[in-house]
Amino acid sequence: MKENKESPERRRERMRQEELKRNPGGNMRDASNRAQYGGLMDLVIGLGWKGTGILILVIIVGSIITSFFFN
């Protein structure tokens, strides 16, 4: 049995490229949205798992502090 040695990042990128080929109109809409707001996936990939965990922790702590002061 052949094992798939493709990394998750490469597999994700390959699937994204295949989707862009199948749906060019969606690609245009996605590109305009990313240009305006940025892409969450790009942020998560750039940060890595540690950075993403810290970002989630900061959001949770920030929401707790906000709810504490405004209630």
C-alpha atoms as a PDB file:
ATOM      1  CA  MET A   1       0.000   0.000   0.000  1.00  0.00           C
ATOM      2  CA  LYS A   2       1.406   3.367  -0.991  1.00  0.00           C
ATOM      3  CA  GLU A   3       1.632   5.919   1.800  1.00  0.00           C
ATOM      4  CA  ASN A   4       0.862   9.553   1.130  1.00  0.00           C
ATOM      5  CA  LYS A   5       4.024  11.483   2.077  1.00  0.00           C
ATOM      6  CA  GLU A   6       2.515  14.872   1.209  1.00  0.00           C
ATOM      7  CA  SER A   7       2.663  17.384   4.063  1.00  0.00           C
ATOM      8  CA  PRO A   8      -0.593  18.947   5.296  1.00  0.00           C
ATOM      9  CA  GLU A   9       0.499  22.380   4.039  1.00  0.00           C
ATOM     10  CA  ARG A  10       1.204  21.105   0.535  1.00  0.00           C
ATOM     11  CA  ARG A  11      -2.037  19.129   0.478  1.00  0.00           C
ATOM     12  CA  ARG A  12      -4.020  22.190   1.596  1.00  0.00           C
ATOM     13  CA  GLU A  13      -2.361  24.352  -1.064  1.00  0.00           C
ATOM     14  CA  ARG A  14      -2.925  21.709  -3.759  1.00  0.00           C
ATOM     15  CA  MET A  15      -6.623  21.453  -2.862  1.00  0.00           C
ATOM     16  CA  ARG A  16      -6.905  25.252  -2.894  1.00  0.00           C
ATOM     17  CA  GLN A  17      -5.311  25.433  -6.337  1.00  0.00           C
ATOM     18  CA  GLU A  18      -7.671  22.743  -7.672  1.00  0.00           C
ATOM     19  CA  GLU A  19     -10.668  24.651  -6.325  1.00  0.00           C
ATOM     20  CA  LEU A  20      -9.442  27.843  -7.981  1.00  0.00           C
ATOM     21  CA  LYS A  21      -9.204  26.031 -11.329  1.00  0.00           C
ATOM     22  CA  ARG A  22     -12.740  24.634 -11.002  1.00  0.00           C
ATOM     23  CA  ASN A  23     -14.362  27.882  -9.880  1.00  0.00           C
ATOM     24  CA  PRO A  24     -12.741  30.992 -11.407  1.00  0.00           C
ATOM     25  CA  GLY A  25     -15.643  33.317 -10.431  1.00  0.00           C
ATOM     26  CA  GLY A  26     -15.266  32.344  -6.799  1.00  0.00           C
ATOM     27  CA  ASN A  27     -11.553  33.000  -7.121  1.00  0.00           C
ATOM     28  CA  MET A  28     -12.234  36.587  -8.156  1.00  0.00           C
ATOM     29  CA  ARG A  29     -14.623  37.134  -5.251  1.00  0.00           C
ATOM     30  CA  ASP A  30     -12.188  35.526  -2.783  1.00  0.00           C
ATOM     31  CA  ALA A  31      -9.343  37.669  -4.056  1.00  0.00           C
ATOM     32  CA  SER A  32     -11.326  40.873  -3.587  1.00  0.00           C
ATOM     33  CA  ASN A  33     -12.370  39.824  -0.069  1.00  0.00           C
ATOM     34  CA  ARG A  34      -8.790  38.949   0.890  1.00  0.00           C
ATOM     35  CA  ALA A  35      -7.531  42.236  -0.482  1.00  0.00           C
ATOM     36  CA  GLN A  36      -9.979  44.132   1.717  1.00  0.00           C
ATOM     37  CA  TYR A  37      -9.992  42.087   4.901  1.00  0.00           C
ATOM     38  CA  GLY A  38      -7.004  39.743   4.766  1.00  0.00           C
ATOM     39  CA  GLY A  39      -7.213  35.982   4.984  1.00  0.00           C
ATOM     40  CA  LEU A  40      -7.544  34.126   8.279  1.00  0.00           C
ATOM     41  CA  MET A  41      -5.868  31.076   6.798  1.00  0.00           C
ATOM     42  CA  ASP A  42      -2.843  33.136   5.799  1.00  0.00           C
ATOM     43  CA  LEU A  43      -2.633  34.513   9.335  1.00  0.00           C
ATOM     44  CA  VAL A  44      -2.843  31.071  10.927  1.00  0.00           C
ATOM     45  CA  ILE A  45      -0.257  29.577   8.572  1.00  0.00           C
ATOM     46  CA  GLY A  46       2.088  32.493   9.206  1.00  0.00           C
ATOM     47  CA  LEU A  47       1.795  32.251  12.979  1.00  0.00           C
ATOM     48  CA  GLY A  48       2.107  28.487  13.341  1.00  0.00           C
ATOM     49  CA  TRP A  49       0.415  26.495  16.085  1.00  0.00           C
ATOM     50  CA  LYS A  50       2.077  28.328  18.975  1.00  0.00           C
ATOM     51  CA  GLY A  51       1.210  31.755  17.639  1.00  0.00           C
ATOM     52  CA  THR A  52      -2.358  30.690  16.924  1.00  0.00           C
ATOM     53  CA  GLY A  53      -2.706  29.387  20.481  1.00  0.00           C
ATOM     54  CA  ILE A  54      -1.390  32.641  21.899  1.00  0.00           C
ATOM     55  CA  LEU A  55      -3.781  34.629  19.679  1.00  0.00           C
ATOM     56  CA  ILE A  56      -6.758  32.562  20.899  1.00  0.00           C
ATOM     57  CA  LEU A  57      -5.610  32.965  24.507  1.00  0.00           C
ATOM     58  CA  VAL A  58      -5.324  36.749  24.101  1.00  0.00           C
ATOM     59  CA  ILE A  59      -8.823  36.915  22.609  1.00  0.00           C
ATOM     60  CA  ILE A  60     -10.288  34.868  25.487  1.00  0.00           C
ATOM     61  CA  VAL A  61      -8.492  36.898  28.175  1.00  0.00           C
ATOM     62  CA  GLY A  62      -9.491  40.139  26.451  1.00  0.00           C
ATOM     63  CA  SER A  63     -13.147  39.125  26.353  1.00  0.00           C
ATOM     64  CA  ILE A  64     -13.062  38.127  30.060  1.00  0.00           C
ATOM     65  CA  ILE A  65     -11.497  41.450  31.041  1.00  0.00           C
ATOM     66  CA  THR A  66     -13.980  43.361  28.881  1.00  0.00           C
ATOM     67  CA  SER A  67     -16.960  41.530  30.371  1.00  0.00           C
ATOM     68  CA  PHE A  68     -15.592  42.135  33.888  1.00  0.00           C
ATOM     69  CA  PHE A  69     -15.303  45.906  33.405  1.00  0.00           C
ATOM     70  CA  PHE A  70     -18.569  46.439  31.516  1.00  0.00           C
ATOM     71  CA  ASN A  71     -20.878  44.329  33.701  1.00  0.00           C
END
